[in-house]
Each structure stands twice: as C-alpha cells, then as structure tokens.
PDB file of N, CA and C in Angstrom:
ATOM      1  N   MET A   1      28.895  50.666   6.017  1.00  0.00           N
ATOM      2  CA  MET A   1      27.487  50.374   5.813  1.00  0.00           C
ATOM      3  C   MET A   1      26.696  50.755   7.059  1.00  0.00           C
ATOM      4  N   ASN A   2      25.467  51.049   6.843  1.00  0.00           N
ATOM      5  CA  ASN A   2      24.643  51.396   7.994  1.00  0.00           C
ATOM      6  C   ASN A   2      23.928  50.155   8.522  1.00  0.00           C
ATOM      7  N   ARG A   3      23.256  50.333   9.637  1.00  0.00           N
ATOM      8  CA  ARG A   3      22.594  49.189  10.292  1.00  0.00           C
ATOM      9  C   ARG A   3      21.493  48.579   9.425  1.00  0.00           C
ATOM     10  N   PHE A   4      20.740  49.388   8.735  1.00  0.00           N
ATOM     11  CA  PHE A   4      19.647  48.896   7.907  1.00  0.00           C
ATOM     12  C   PHE A   4      20.166  47.984   6.796  1.00  0.00           C
ATOM     13  N   SER A   5      21.201  48.392   6.114  1.00  0.00           N
ATOM     14  CA  SER A   5      21.736  47.567   5.027  1.00  0.00           C
ATOM     15  C   SER A   5      22.375  46.294   5.564  1.00  0.00           C
ATOM     16  N   ASP A   6      22.958  46.360   6.777  1.00  0.00           N
ATOM     17  CA  ASP A   6      23.516  45.142   7.389  1.00  0.00           C
ATOM     18  C   ASP A   6      22.404  44.149   7.705  1.00  0.00           C
ATOM     19  N   ARG A   7      21.304  44.652   8.259  1.00  0.00           N
ATOM     20  CA  ARG A   7      20.167  43.767   8.583  1.00  0.00           C
ATOM     21  C   ARG A   7      19.543  43.194   7.309  1.00  0.00           C
ATOM     22  N   LEU A   8      19.417  44.009   6.304  1.00  0.00           N
ATOM     23  CA  LEU A   8      18.849  43.556   5.036  1.00  0.00           C
ATOM     24  C   LEU A   8      19.714  42.459   4.427  1.00  0.00           C
ATOM     25  N   PHE A   9      21.020  42.605   4.490  1.00  0.00           N
ATOM     26  CA  PHE A   9      21.939  41.592   3.965  1.00  0.00           C
ATOM     27  C   PHE A   9      21.792  40.276   4.729  1.00  0.00           C
ATOM     28  N   VAL A  10      21.736  40.330   6.053  1.00  0.00           N
ATOM     29  CA  VAL A  10      21.594  39.127   6.867  1.00  0.00           C
ATOM     30  C   VAL A  10      20.245  38.472   6.587  1.00  0.00           C
ATOM     31  N   PHE A  11      19.178  39.290   6.475  1.00  0.00           N
ATOM     32  CA  PHE A  11      17.845  38.762   6.195  1.00  0.00           C
ATOM     33  C   PHE A  11      17.805  38.094   4.822  1.00  0.00           C
ATOM     34  N   SER A  12      18.353  38.725   3.810  1.00  0.00           N
ATOM     35  CA  SER A  12      18.318  38.169   2.458  1.00  0.00           C
ATOM     36  C   SER A  12      19.197  36.920   2.345  1.00  0.00           C
ATOM     37  N   TYR A  13      20.160  36.779   3.203  1.00  0.00           N
ATOM     38  CA  TYR A  13      21.032  35.612   3.223  1.00  0.00           C
ATOM     39  C   TYR A  13      20.345  34.427   3.889  1.00  0.00           C
ATOM     40  N   ARG A  14      19.536  34.684   4.912  1.00  0.00           N
ATOM     41  CA  ARG A  14      18.895  33.607   5.678  1.00  0.00           C
ATOM     42  C   ARG A  14      17.662  33.030   4.987  1.00  0.00           C
ATOM     43  N   VAL A  15      16.925  33.823   4.265  1.00  0.00           N
ATOM     44  CA  VAL A  15      15.675  33.367   3.643  1.00  0.00           C
ATOM     45  C   VAL A  15      15.911  32.180   2.714  1.00  0.00           C
ATOM     46  N   PRO A  16      16.860  32.233   1.789  1.00  0.00           N
ATOM     47  CA  PRO A  16      17.072  31.055   0.933  1.00  0.00           C
ATOM     48  C   PRO A  16      17.497  29.820   1.725  1.00  0.00           C
ATOM     49  N   LEU A  17      18.294  30.004   2.765  1.00  0.00           N
ATOM     50  CA  LEU A  17      18.704  28.859   3.583  1.00  0.00           C
ATOM     51  C   LEU A  17      17.510  28.231   4.301  1.00  0.00           C
ATOM     52  N   ILE A  18      16.629  29.074   4.801  1.00  0.00           N
ATOM     53  CA  ILE A  18      15.424  28.565   5.476  1.00  0.00           C
ATOM     54  C   ILE A  18      14.539  27.826   4.479  1.00  0.00           C
ATOM     55  N   LEU A  19      14.359  28.379   3.282  1.00  0.00           N
ATOM     56  CA  LEU A  19      13.530  27.719   2.267  1.00  0.00           C
ATOM     57  C   LEU A  19      14.117  26.380   1.838  1.00  0.00           C
ATOM     58  N   ILE A  20      15.418  26.331   1.659  1.00  0.00           N
ATOM     59  CA  ILE A  20      16.075  25.064   1.304  1.00  0.00           C
ATOM     60  C   ILE A  20      15.887  24.043   2.419  1.00  0.00           C
ATOM     61  N   GLY A  21      16.020  24.480   3.663  1.00  0.00           N
ATOM     62  CA  GLY A  21      15.804  23.582   4.801  1.00  0.00           C
ATOM     63  C   GLY A  21      14.390  23.038   4.839  1.00  0.00           C
ATOM     64  N   LEU A  22      13.401  23.895   4.571  1.00  0.00           N
ATOM     65  CA  LEU A  22      12.003  23.457   4.556  1.00  0.00           C
ATOM     66  C   LEU A  22      11.747  22.447   3.437  1.00  0.00           C
ATOM     67  N   VAL A  23      12.278  22.693   2.270  1.00  0.00           N
ATOM     68  CA  VAL A  23      12.094  21.767   1.150  1.00  0.00           C
ATOM     69  C   VAL A  23      12.714  20.411   1.469  1.00  0.00           C
ATOM     70  N   LEU A  24      13.903  20.406   2.023  1.00  0.00           N
ATOM     71  CA  LEU A  24      14.552  19.143   2.398  1.00  0.00           C
ATOM     72  C   LEU A  24      13.759  18.402   3.474  1.00  0.00           C
ATOM     73  N   ALA A  25      13.215  19.126   4.430  1.00  0.00           N
ATOM     74  CA  ALA A  25      12.413  18.495   5.483  1.00  0.00           C
ATOM     75  C   ALA A  25      11.152  17.856   4.905  1.00  0.00           C
ATOM     76  N   ILE A  26      10.513  18.538   3.985  1.00  0.00           N
ATOM     77  CA  ILE A  26       9.292  17.996   3.365  1.00  0.00           C
ATOM     78  C   ILE A  26       9.613  16.757   2.544  1.00  0.00           C
ATOM     79  N   LEU A  27      10.684  16.815   1.760  1.00  0.00           N
ATOM     80  CA  LEU A  27      11.057  15.655   0.942  1.00  0.00           C
ATOM     81  C   LEU A  27      11.444  14.463   1.805  1.00  0.00           C
ATOM     82  N   THR A  28      12.110  14.696   2.904  1.00  0.00           N
ATOM     83  CA  THR A  28      12.494  13.614   3.809  1.00  0.00           C
ATOM     84  C   THR A  28      11.280  13.002   4.478  1.00  0.00           C
ATOM     85  N   ALA A  29      10.314  13.815   4.833  1.00  0.00           N
ATOM     86  CA  ALA A  29       9.110  13.317   5.504  1.00  0.00           C
ATOM     87  C   ALA A  29       8.278  12.438   4.580  1.00  0.00           C
ATOM     88  N   CYS A  30       8.312  12.679   3.288  1.00  0.00           N
ATOM     89  CA  CYS A  30       7.501  11.920   2.336  1.00  0.00           C
ATOM     90  C   CYS A  30       8.204  10.690   1.787  1.00  0.00           C
ATOM     91  N   SER A  31       9.440  10.484   2.132  1.00  0.00           N
ATOM     92  CA  SER A  31      10.175   9.357   1.562  1.00  0.00           C
ATOM     93  C   SER A  31       9.816   8.059   2.283  1.00  0.00           C
ATOM     94  N   PRO A  32       9.854   6.937   1.574  1.00  0.00           N
ATOM     95  CA  PRO A  32       9.523   5.654   2.194  1.00  0.00           C
ATOM     96  C   PRO A  32      10.648   5.165   3.094  1.00  0.00           C
ATOM     97  N   SER A  33      10.262   4.306   4.039  1.00  0.00           N
ATOM     98  CA  SER A  33      11.247   3.661   4.901  1.00  0.00           C
ATOM     99  C   SER A  33      10.961   2.163   4.905  1.00  0.00           C
ATOM    100  N   GLY A  34      11.600   1.431   5.791  1.00  0.00           N
ATOM    101  CA  GLY A  34      11.407  -0.013   5.836  1.00  0.00           C
ATOM    102  C   GLY A  34       9.992  -0.433   6.215  1.00  0.00           C
ATOM    103  N   THR A  35       9.314   0.392   7.001  1.00  0.00           N
ATOM    104  CA  THR A  35       7.968   0.031   7.454  1.00  0.00           C
ATOM    105  C   THR A  35       6.885   0.948   6.909  1.00  0.00           C
ATOM    106  N   HIS A  36       7.252   1.989   6.184  1.00  0.00           N
ATOM    107  CA  HIS A  36       6.283   2.929   5.636  1.00  0.00           C
ATOM    108  C   HIS A  36       6.443   2.995   4.118  1.00  0.00           C
ATOM    109  N   ARG A  37       5.297   3.129   3.447  1.00  0.00           N
ATOM    110  CA  ARG A  37       5.315   3.255   1.994  1.00  0.00           C
ATOM    111  C   ARG A  37       5.365   4.724   1.601  1.00  0.00           C
ATOM    112  N   GLY A  38       5.957   4.968   0.463  1.00  0.00           N
ATOM    113  CA  GLY A  38       5.891   6.295  -0.124  1.00  0.00           C
ATOM    114  C   GLY A  38       4.544   6.455  -0.805  1.00  0.00           C
ATOM    115  N   THR A  39       4.263   7.654  -1.263  1.00  0.00           N
ATOM    116  CA  THR A  39       2.974   7.931  -1.901  1.00  0.00           C
ATOM    117  C   THR A  39       2.777   7.082  -3.148  1.00  0.00           C
ATOM    118  N   GLY A  40       3.799   6.940  -3.959  1.00  0.00           N
ATOM    119  CA  GLY A  40       3.684   6.129  -5.171  1.00  0.00           C
ATOM    120  C   GLY A  40       3.429   4.668  -4.867  1.00  0.00           C
ATOM    121  N   GLU A  41       4.109   4.146  -3.846  1.00  0.00           N
ATOM    122  CA  GLU A  41       3.895   2.746  -3.456  1.00  0.00           C
ATOM    123  C   GLU A  41       2.476   2.533  -2.937  1.00  0.00           C
ATOM    124  N   TYR A  42       1.963   3.499  -2.187  1.00  0.00           N
ATOM    125  CA  TYR A  42       0.597   3.394  -1.661  1.00  0.00           C
ATOM    126  C   TYR A  42      -0.404   3.334  -2.814  1.00  0.00           C
ATOM    127  N   ILE A  43      -0.217   4.194  -3.805  1.00  0.00           N
ATOM    128  CA  ILE A  43      -1.126   4.201  -4.960  1.00  0.00           C
ATOM    129  C   ILE A  43      -1.020   2.887  -5.725  1.00  0.00           C
ATOM    130  N   ASP A  44       0.198   2.390  -5.925  1.00  0.00           N
ATOM    131  CA  ASP A  44       0.384   1.104  -6.611  1.00  0.00           C
ATOM    132  C   ASP A  44      -0.296  -0.030  -5.853  1.00  0.00           C
ATOM    133  N   ASP A  45      -0.125  -0.061  -4.531  1.00  0.00           N
ATOM    134  CA  ASP A  45      -0.738  -1.111  -3.711  1.00  0.00           C
ATOM    135  C   ASP A  45      -2.259  -1.033  -3.757  1.00  0.00           C
ATOM    136  N   THR A  46      -2.804   0.171  -3.775  1.00  0.00           N
ATOM    137  CA  THR A  46      -4.257   0.339  -3.866  1.00  0.00           C
ATOM    138  C   THR A  46      -4.775  -0.214  -5.187  1.00  0.00           C
ATOM    139  N   ALA A  47      -4.044   0.036  -6.266  1.00  0.00           N
ATOM    140  CA  ALA A  47      -4.448  -0.484  -7.575  1.00  0.00           C
ATOM    141  C   ALA A  47      -4.366  -2.009  -7.610  1.00  0.00           C
ATOM    142  N   VAL A  48      -3.318  -2.584  -7.027  1.00  0.00           N
ATOM    143  CA  VAL A  48      -3.179  -4.045  -6.977  1.00  0.00           C
ATOM    144  C   VAL A  48      -4.329  -4.647  -6.176  1.00  0.00           C
ATOM    145  N   THR A  49      -4.655  -4.059  -5.032  1.00  0.00           N
ATOM    146  CA  THR A  49      -5.765  -4.550  -4.217  1.00  0.00           C
ATOM    147  C   THR A  49      -7.071  -4.534  -5.004  1.00  0.00           C
ATOM    148  N   ALA A  50      -7.306  -3.463  -5.733  1.00  0.00           N
ATOM    149  CA  ALA A  50      -8.536  -3.360  -6.533  1.00  0.00           C
ATOM    150  C   ALA A  50      -8.572  -4.427  -7.621  1.00  0.00           C
ATOM    151  N   ARG A  51      -7.438  -4.676  -8.281  1.00  0.00           N
ATOM    152  CA  ARG A  51      -7.400  -5.709  -9.325  1.00  0.00           C
ATOM    153  C   ARG A  51      -7.635  -7.104  -8.751  1.00  0.00           C
ATOM    154  N   VAL A  52      -7.062  -7.387  -7.576  1.00  0.00           N
ATOM    155  CA  VAL A  52      -7.261  -8.703  -6.949  1.00  0.00           C
ATOM    156  C   VAL A  52      -8.722  -8.856  -6.536  1.00  0.00           C
ATOM    157  N   ARG A  53      -9.298  -7.836  -5.944  1.00  0.00           N
ATOM    158  CA  ARG A  53     -10.719  -7.913  -5.536  1.00  0.00           C
ATOM    159  C   ARG A  53     -11.624  -8.119  -6.736  1.00  0.00           C
ATOM    160  N   THR A  54     -11.311  -7.466  -7.839  1.00  0.00           N
ATOM    161  CA  THR A  54     -12.106  -7.642  -9.063  1.00  0.00           C
ATOM    162  C   THR A  54     -11.988  -9.074  -9.571  1.00  0.00           C
ATOM    163  N   ALA A  55     -10.780  -9.618  -9.564  1.00  0.00           N
ATOM    164  CA  ALA A  55     -10.581 -11.005 -10.015  1.00  0.00           C
ATOM    165  C   ALA A  55     -11.355 -11.976  -9.136  1.00  0.00           C
ATOM    166  N   LEU A  56     -11.352 -11.743  -7.835  1.00  0.00           N
ATOM    167  CA  LEU A  56     -12.089 -12.625  -6.920  1.00  0.00           C
ATOM    168  C   LEU A  56     -13.591 -12.468  -7.096  1.00  0.00           C
ATOM    169  N   ALA A  57     -14.058 -11.245  -7.321  1.00  0.00           N
ATOM    170  CA  ALA A  57     -15.497 -10.996  -7.451  1.00  0.00           C
ATOM    171  C   ALA A  57     -16.067 -11.586  -8.729  1.00  0.00           C
ATOM    172  N   THR A  58     -15.262 -11.646  -9.778  1.00  0.00           N
ATOM    173  CA  THR A  58     -15.770 -12.184 -11.049  1.00  0.00           C
ATOM    174  C   THR A  58     -15.644 -13.697 -11.147  1.00  0.00           C
ATOM    175  N   ASP A  59     -15.013 -14.333 -10.175  1.00  0.00           N
ATOM    176  CA  ASP A  59     -14.851 -15.781 -10.198  1.00  0.00           C
ATOM    177  C   ASP A  59     -16.024 -16.439  -9.467  1.00  0.00           C
ATOM    178  N   PRO A  60     -16.704 -17.385 -10.109  1.00  0.00           N
ATOM    179  CA  PRO A  60     -17.876 -18.014  -9.476  1.00  0.00           C
ATOM    180  C   PRO A  60     -17.523 -18.974  -8.329  1.00  0.00           C
ATOM    181  N   GLN A  61     -16.289 -19.455  -8.260  1.00  0.00           N
ATOM    182  CA  GLN A  61     -15.922 -20.420  -7.227  1.00  0.00           C
ATOM    183  C   GLN A  61     -15.520 -19.771  -5.903  1.00  0.00           C
ATOM    184  N   VAL A  62     -15.206 -18.491  -5.932  1.00  0.00           N
ATOM    185  CA  VAL A  62     -14.731 -17.818  -4.728  1.00  0.00           C
ATOM    186  C   VAL A  62     -15.784 -16.829  -4.258  1.00  0.00           C
ATOM    187  N   LYS A  63     -16.102 -16.871  -2.974  1.00  0.00           N
ATOM    188  CA  LYS A  63     -17.018 -15.892  -2.395  1.00  0.00           C
ATOM    189  C   LYS A  63     -16.195 -14.675  -1.978  1.00  0.00           C
ATOM    190  N   ALA A  64     -16.148 -13.696  -2.863  1.00  0.00           N
ATOM    191  CA  ALA A  64     -15.262 -12.542  -2.675  1.00  0.00           C
ATOM    192  C   ALA A  64     -15.628 -11.710  -1.455  1.00  0.00           C
ATOM    193  N   THR A  65     -16.882 -11.764  -1.038  1.00  0.00           N
ATOM    194  CA  THR A  65     -17.286 -10.960   0.121  1.00  0.00           C
ATOM    195  C   THR A  65     -16.698 -11.500   1.419  1.00  0.00           C
ATOM    196  N   GLU A  66     -16.242 -12.731   1.419  1.00  0.00           N
ATOM    197  CA  GLU A  66     -15.687 -13.330   2.633  1.00  0.00           C
ATOM    198  C   GLU A  66     -14.157 -13.353   2.638  1.00  0.00           C
ATOM    199  N   VAL A  67     -13.537 -12.788   1.607  1.00  0.00           N
ATOM    200  CA  VAL A  67     -12.077 -12.754   1.523  1.00  0.00           C
ATOM    201  C   VAL A  67     -11.612 -11.303   1.626  1.00  0.00           C
ATOM    202  N   GLN A  68     -10.760 -11.034   2.605  1.00  0.00           N
ATOM    203  CA  GLN A  68     -10.191  -9.701   2.749  1.00  0.00           C
ATOM    204  C   GLN A  68      -8.841  -9.667   2.015  1.00  0.00           C
ATOM    205  N   VAL A  69      -8.589  -8.559   1.337  1.00  0.00           N
ATOM    206  CA  VAL A  69      -7.366  -8.398   0.558  1.00  0.00           C
ATOM    207  C   VAL A  69      -6.641  -7.153   1.046  1.00  0.00           C
ATOM    208  N   GLU A  70      -5.382  -7.312   1.415  1.00  0.00           N
ATOM    209  CA  GLU A  70      -4.537  -6.183   1.791  1.00  0.00           C
ATOM    210  C   GLU A  70      -3.227  -6.307   1.024  1.00  0.00           C
ATOM    211  N   THR A  71      -2.676  -5.181   0.605  1.00  0.00           N
ATOM    212  CA  THR A  71      -1.433  -5.188  -0.164  1.00  0.00           C
ATOM    213  C   THR A  71      -0.432  -4.240   0.470  1.00  0.00           C
ATOM    214  N   PHE A  72       0.807  -4.709   0.617  1.00  0.00           N
ATOM    215  CA  PHE A  72       1.900  -3.878   1.113  1.00  0.00           C
ATOM    216  C   PHE A  72       3.120  -4.146   0.259  1.00  0.00           C
ATOM    217  N   ARG A  73       3.513  -3.142  -0.511  1.00  0.00           N
ATOM    218  CA  ARG A  73       4.668  -3.240  -1.405  1.00  0.00           C
ATOM    219  C   ARG A  73       4.598  -4.444  -2.348  1.00  0.00           C
ATOM    220  N   GLY A  74       3.423  -4.676  -2.913  1.00  0.00           N
ATOM    221  CA  GLY A  74       3.249  -5.750  -3.882  1.00  0.00           C
ATOM    222  C   GLY A  74       2.959  -7.114  -3.292  1.00  0.00           C
ATOM    223  N   THR A  75       3.056  -7.258  -1.968  1.00  0.00           N
ATOM    224  CA  THR A  75       2.738  -8.521  -1.314  1.00  0.00           C
ATOM    225  C   THR A  75       1.271  -8.488  -0.897  1.00  0.00           C
ATOM    226  N   VAL A  76       0.511  -9.452  -1.395  1.00  0.00           N
ATOM    227  CA  VAL A  76      -0.926  -9.506  -1.128  1.00  0.00           C
ATOM    228  C   VAL A  76      -1.187 -10.487   0.012  1.00  0.00           C
ATOM    229  N   GLN A  77      -1.939 -10.030   0.992  1.00  0.00           N
ATOM    230  CA  GLN A  77      -2.342 -10.857   2.131  1.00  0.00           C
ATOM    231  C   GLN A  77      -3.822 -11.171   1.970  1.00  0.00           C
ATOM    232  N   LEU A  78      -4.142 -12.452   1.843  1.00  0.00           N
ATOM    233  CA  LEU A  78      -5.532 -12.894   1.759  1.00  0.00           C
ATOM    234  C   LEU A  78      -5.926 -13.466   3.111  1.00  0.00           C
ATOM    235  N   SER A  79      -7.063 -13.039   3.631  1.00  0.00           N
ATOM    236  CA  SER A  79      -7.538 -13.562   4.908  1.00  0.00           C
ATOM    237  C   SER A  79      -9.058 -13.671   4.856  1.00  0.00           C
ATOM    238  N   GLY A  80      -9.608 -14.346   5.838  1.00  0.00           N
ATOM    239  CA  GLY A  80     -11.054 -14.549   5.892  1.00  0.00           C
ATOM    240  C   GLY A  80     -11.384 -16.027   5.926  1.00  0.00           C
ATOM    241  N   PHE A  81     -12.669 -16.310   5.790  1.00  0.00           N
ATOM    242  CA  PHE A  81     -13.150 -17.686   5.860  1.00  0.00           C
ATOM    243  C   PHE A  81     -13.685 -18.120   4.499  1.00  0.00           C
ATOM    244  N   VAL A  82     -13.353 -19.347   4.109  1.00  0.00           N
ATOM    245  CA  VAL A  82     -13.840 -19.918   2.856  1.00  0.00           C
ATOM    246  C   VAL A  82     -14.468 -21.278   3.150  1.00  0.00           C
ATOM    247  N   ASP A  83     -15.242 -21.777   2.181  1.00  0.00           N
ATOM    248  CA  ASP A  83     -15.961 -23.040   2.373  1.00  0.00           C
ATOM    249  C   ASP A  83     -15.103 -24.279   2.170  1.00  0.00           C
ATOM    250  N   SER A  84     -14.025 -24.163   1.365  1.00  0.00           N
ATOM    251  CA  SER A  84     -13.217 -25.353   1.086  1.00  0.00           C
ATOM    252  C   SER A  84     -11.764 -24.954   0.829  1.00  0.00           C
ATOM    253  N   ALA A  85     -10.894 -25.957   0.926  1.00  0.00           N
ATOM    254  CA  ALA A  85      -9.479 -25.723   0.639  1.00  0.00           C
ATOM    255  C   ALA A  85      -9.286 -25.380  -0.837  1.00  0.00           C
ATOM    256  N   GLU A  86     -10.142 -25.945  -1.697  1.00  0.00           N
ATOM    257  CA  GLU A  86     -10.060 -25.641  -3.123  1.00  0.00           C
ATOM    258  C   GLU A  86     -10.372 -24.173  -3.391  1.00  0.00           C
ATOM    259  N   SER A  87     -11.345 -23.644  -2.673  1.00  0.00           N
ATOM    260  CA  SER A  87     -11.703 -22.234  -2.825  1.00  0.00           C
ATOM    261  C   SER A  87     -10.554 -21.325  -2.372  1.00  0.00           C
ATOM    262  N   ALA A  88      -9.883 -21.699  -1.295  1.00  0.00           N
ATOM    263  CA  ALA A  88      -8.736 -20.925  -0.805  1.00  0.00           C
ATOM    264  C   ALA A  88      -7.590 -20.973  -1.805  1.00  0.00           C
ATOM    265  N   ALA A  89      -7.344 -22.156  -2.364  1.00  0.00           N
ATOM    266  CA  ALA A  89      -6.269 -22.301  -3.350  1.00  0.00           C
ATOM    267  C   ALA A  89      -6.600 -21.530  -4.623  1.00  0.00           C
ATOM    268  N   ARG A  90      -7.850 -21.551  -5.018  1.00  0.00           N
ATOM    269  CA  ARG A  90      -8.281 -20.808  -6.216  1.00  0.00           C
ATOM    270  C   ARG A  90      -8.095 -19.305  -6.006  1.00  0.00           C
ATOM    271  N   ALA A  91      -8.471 -18.810  -4.848  1.00  0.00           N
ATOM    272  CA  ALA A  91      -8.309 -17.382  -4.556  1.00  0.00           C
ATOM    273  C   ALA A  91      -6.837 -16.983  -4.583  1.00  0.00           C
ATOM    274  N   ALA A  92      -5.980 -17.816  -4.018  1.00  0.00           N
ATOM    275  CA  ALA A  92      -4.543 -17.534  -4.015  1.00  0.00           C
ATOM    276  C   ALA A  92      -3.989 -17.545  -5.436  1.00  0.00           C
ATOM    277  N   ARG A  93      -4.451 -18.487  -6.251  1.00  0.00           N
ATOM    278  CA  ARG A  93      -3.977 -18.560  -7.638  1.00  0.00           C
ATOM    279  C   ARG A  93      -4.424 -17.334  -8.430  1.00  0.00           C
ATOM    280  N   LEU A  94      -5.674 -16.923  -8.244  1.00  0.00           N
ATOM    281  CA  LEU A  94      -6.168 -15.731  -8.930  1.00  0.00           C
ATOM    282  C   LEU A  94      -5.355 -14.498  -8.516  1.00  0.00           C
ATOM    283  N   ALA A  95      -5.033 -14.404  -7.233  1.00  0.00           N
ATOM    284  CA  ALA A  95      -4.237 -13.271  -6.754  1.00  0.00           C
ATOM    285  C   ALA A  95      -2.843 -13.298  -7.376  1.00  0.00           C
ATOM    286  N   ARG A  96      -2.210 -14.482  -7.429  1.00  0.00           N
ATOM    287  CA  ARG A  96      -0.863 -14.611  -7.997  1.00  0.00           C
ATOM    288  C   ARG A  96      -0.826 -14.208  -9.468  1.00  0.00           C
ATOM    289  N   GLU A  97      -1.918 -14.474 -10.180  1.00  0.00           N
ATOM    290  CA  GLU A  97      -1.979 -14.189 -11.613  1.00  0.00           C
ATOM    291  C   GLU A  97      -2.309 -12.729 -11.910  1.00  0.00           C
ATOM    292  N   THR A  98      -2.586 -11.956 -10.881  1.00  0.00           N
ATOM    293  CA  THR A  98      -2.958 -10.559 -11.060  1.00  0.00           C
ATOM    294  C   THR A  98      -1.721  -9.700 -11.291  1.00  0.00           C
ATOM    295  N   ARG A  99      -1.818  -8.783 -12.236  1.00  0.00           N
ATOM    296  CA  ARG A  99      -0.703  -7.893 -12.566  1.00  0.00           C
ATOM    297  C   ARG A  99      -0.317  -7.035 -11.359  1.00  0.00           C
ATOM    298  N   GLY A 100       0.975  -6.982 -11.074  1.00  0.00           N
ATOM    299  CA  GLY A 100       1.482  -6.159  -9.979  1.00  0.00           C
ATOM    300  C   GLY A 100       1.723  -6.907  -8.685  1.00  0.00           C
ATOM    301  N   VAL A 101       1.267  -8.161  -8.607  1.00  0.00           N
ATOM    302  CA  VAL A 101       1.437  -8.953  -7.389  1.00  0.00           C
ATOM    303  C   VAL A 101       2.816  -9.609  -7.404  1.00  0.00           C
ATOM    304  N   LYS A 102       3.590  -9.363  -6.352  1.00  0.00           N
ATOM    305  CA  LYS A 102       4.926  -9.952  -6.240  1.00  0.00           C
ATOM    306  C   LYS A 102       4.891 -11.240  -5.428  1.00  0.00           C
ATOM    307  N   GLU A 103       4.027 -11.284  -4.431  1.00  0.00           N
ATOM    308  CA  GLU A 103       3.947 -12.442  -3.535  1.00  0.00           C
ATOM    309  C   GLU A 103       2.537 -12.507  -2.962  1.00  0.00           C
ATOM    310  N   VAL A 104       2.076 -13.721  -2.647  1.00  0.00           N
ATOM    311  CA  VAL A 104       0.764 -13.908  -2.031  1.00  0.00           C
ATOM    312  C   VAL A 104       0.937 -14.662  -0.729  1.00  0.00           C
ATOM    313  N   ARG A 105       0.369 -14.126   0.321  1.00  0.00           N
ATOM    314  CA  ARG A 105       0.337 -14.810   1.618  1.00  0.00           C
ATOM    315  C   ARG A 105      -1.109 -15.183   1.880  1.00  0.00           C
ATOM    316  N   ASN A 106      -1.338 -16.468   1.924  1.00  0.00           N
ATOM    317  CA  ASN A 106      -2.692 -16.990   2.063  1.00  0.00           C
ATOM    318  C   ASN A 106      -2.960 -17.347   3.521  1.00  0.00           C
ATOM    319  N   SER A 107      -3.753 -16.529   4.189  1.00  0.00           N
ATOM    320  CA  SER A 107      -4.100 -16.772   5.594  1.00  0.00           C
ATOM    321  C   SER A 107      -5.579 -17.107   5.734  1.00  0.00           C
ATOM    322  N   MET A 108      -6.190 -17.596   4.668  1.00  0.00           N
ATOM    323  CA  MET A 108      -7.610 -17.925   4.731  1.00  0.00           C
ATOM    324  C   MET A 108      -7.822 -19.201   5.534  1.00  0.00           C
ATOM    325  N   VAL A 109      -8.939 -19.255   6.195  1.00  0.00           N
ATOM    326  CA  VAL A 109      -9.279 -20.391   7.049  1.00  0.00           C
ATOM    327  C   VAL A 109     -10.481 -21.098   6.444  1.00  0.00           C
ATOM    328  N   VAL A 110     -10.394 -22.424   6.359  1.00  0.00           N
ATOM    329  CA  VAL A 110     -11.515 -23.204   5.831  1.00  0.00           C
ATOM    330  C   VAL A 110     -12.526 -23.394   6.961  1.00  0.00           C
ATOM    331  N   ARG A 111     -13.711 -22.956   6.692  1.00  0.00           N
ATOM    332  CA  ARG A 111     -14.808 -23.042   7.662  1.00  0.00           C
ATOM    333  C   ARG A 111     -15.335 -24.477   7.725  1.00  0.00           C
ATOM    334  N   GLU A 112     -15.558 -24.944   8.932  1.00  0.00           N
ATOM    335  CA  GLU A 112     -16.111 -26.291   9.096  1.00  0.00           C
ATOM    336  C   GLU A 112     -17.554 -26.303   8.629  1.00  0.00           C
ATOM    337  N   ALA A 113     -17.945 -27.432   8.047  1.00  0.00           N
ATOM    338  CA  ALA A 113     -19.323 -27.565   7.585  1.00  0.00           C
ATOM    339  C   ALA A 113     -20.259 -27.546   8.772  1.00  0.00           C
ATOM    340  N   ARG A 114     -21.328 -26.777   8.622  1.00  0.00           N
ATOM    341  CA  ARG A 114     -22.320 -26.685   9.701  1.00  0.00           C
ATOM    342  C   ARG A 114     -23.217 -27.914   9.677  1.00  0.00           C
ATOM    343  N   ARG A 115     -23.493 -28.399  10.859  1.00  0.00           N
ATOM    344  CA  ARG A 115     -24.387 -29.560  10.972  1.00  0.00           C
ATOM    345  C   ARG A 115     -25.797 -29.084  11.269  1.00  0.00           C
ATOM    346  N   PRO A 116     -26.772 -29.688  10.613  1.00  0.00           N
ATOM    347  CA  PRO A 116     -28.172 -29.269  10.837  1.00  0.00           C
ATOM    348  C   PRO A 116     -28.716 -29.693  12.175  1.00  0.00           C
TER     349      PRO A 116
END
C-alpha cells in the first residue's frame, strides 16, 4: 500500500472512535449526580414548584407573596414569613397535597405582631 491509502485508513479508523468518545462525554455530562439534577428532574421540579405556588396563591388563608417555594428532586422547601402558625401549617398542608411532592420542609417563620 502507498502512504496515502495508509493515512486514509488510519483517518477513517479514528473518526468513529472520536465521535463515540464525544457522544459518551456529552451523555456523561448531562447525567444527574447526588447533588445535581438531570434535565428531566429539573423540569419536573419546576412543574411541582409552579403547582405549589398556584395552590398557595388561590388559598385565601395564605399570603402567597410572602412564601418562597423551592423544589429539589420532589422535596419542597417552604420559607418566608407568615402571620400565624396556622397559616404556616396550612401552607405546608397545601404543598403536601400537591401532585408530585414527595416531602415538605417547612422553614417558615411566624412574624411577631406589630405593636402600634
């Protein structure tokens, strides 16, 4: 064989290996780990957060603008300030009843009544 055909053979042999390596690297980079969510988990968590916020916003007993909602792998974290312990418990119950919620962590703080 001549030099050109030898180089062509080596080149045609390496290209598929390089492409396979690139595909594996991309798939590995997008996979979830213990502290990072995959793309599907992120989308699911975003939908759960939206459903919990909607439930809180439509409830007359909870001031939804003062409650922050974050979701990580189905666990909902509620934080912020509320007027009463009943309001905090109601918000947690509404979150627990929302589709897709696996666990609720209630970190809301009851605000002391202001004195005139």
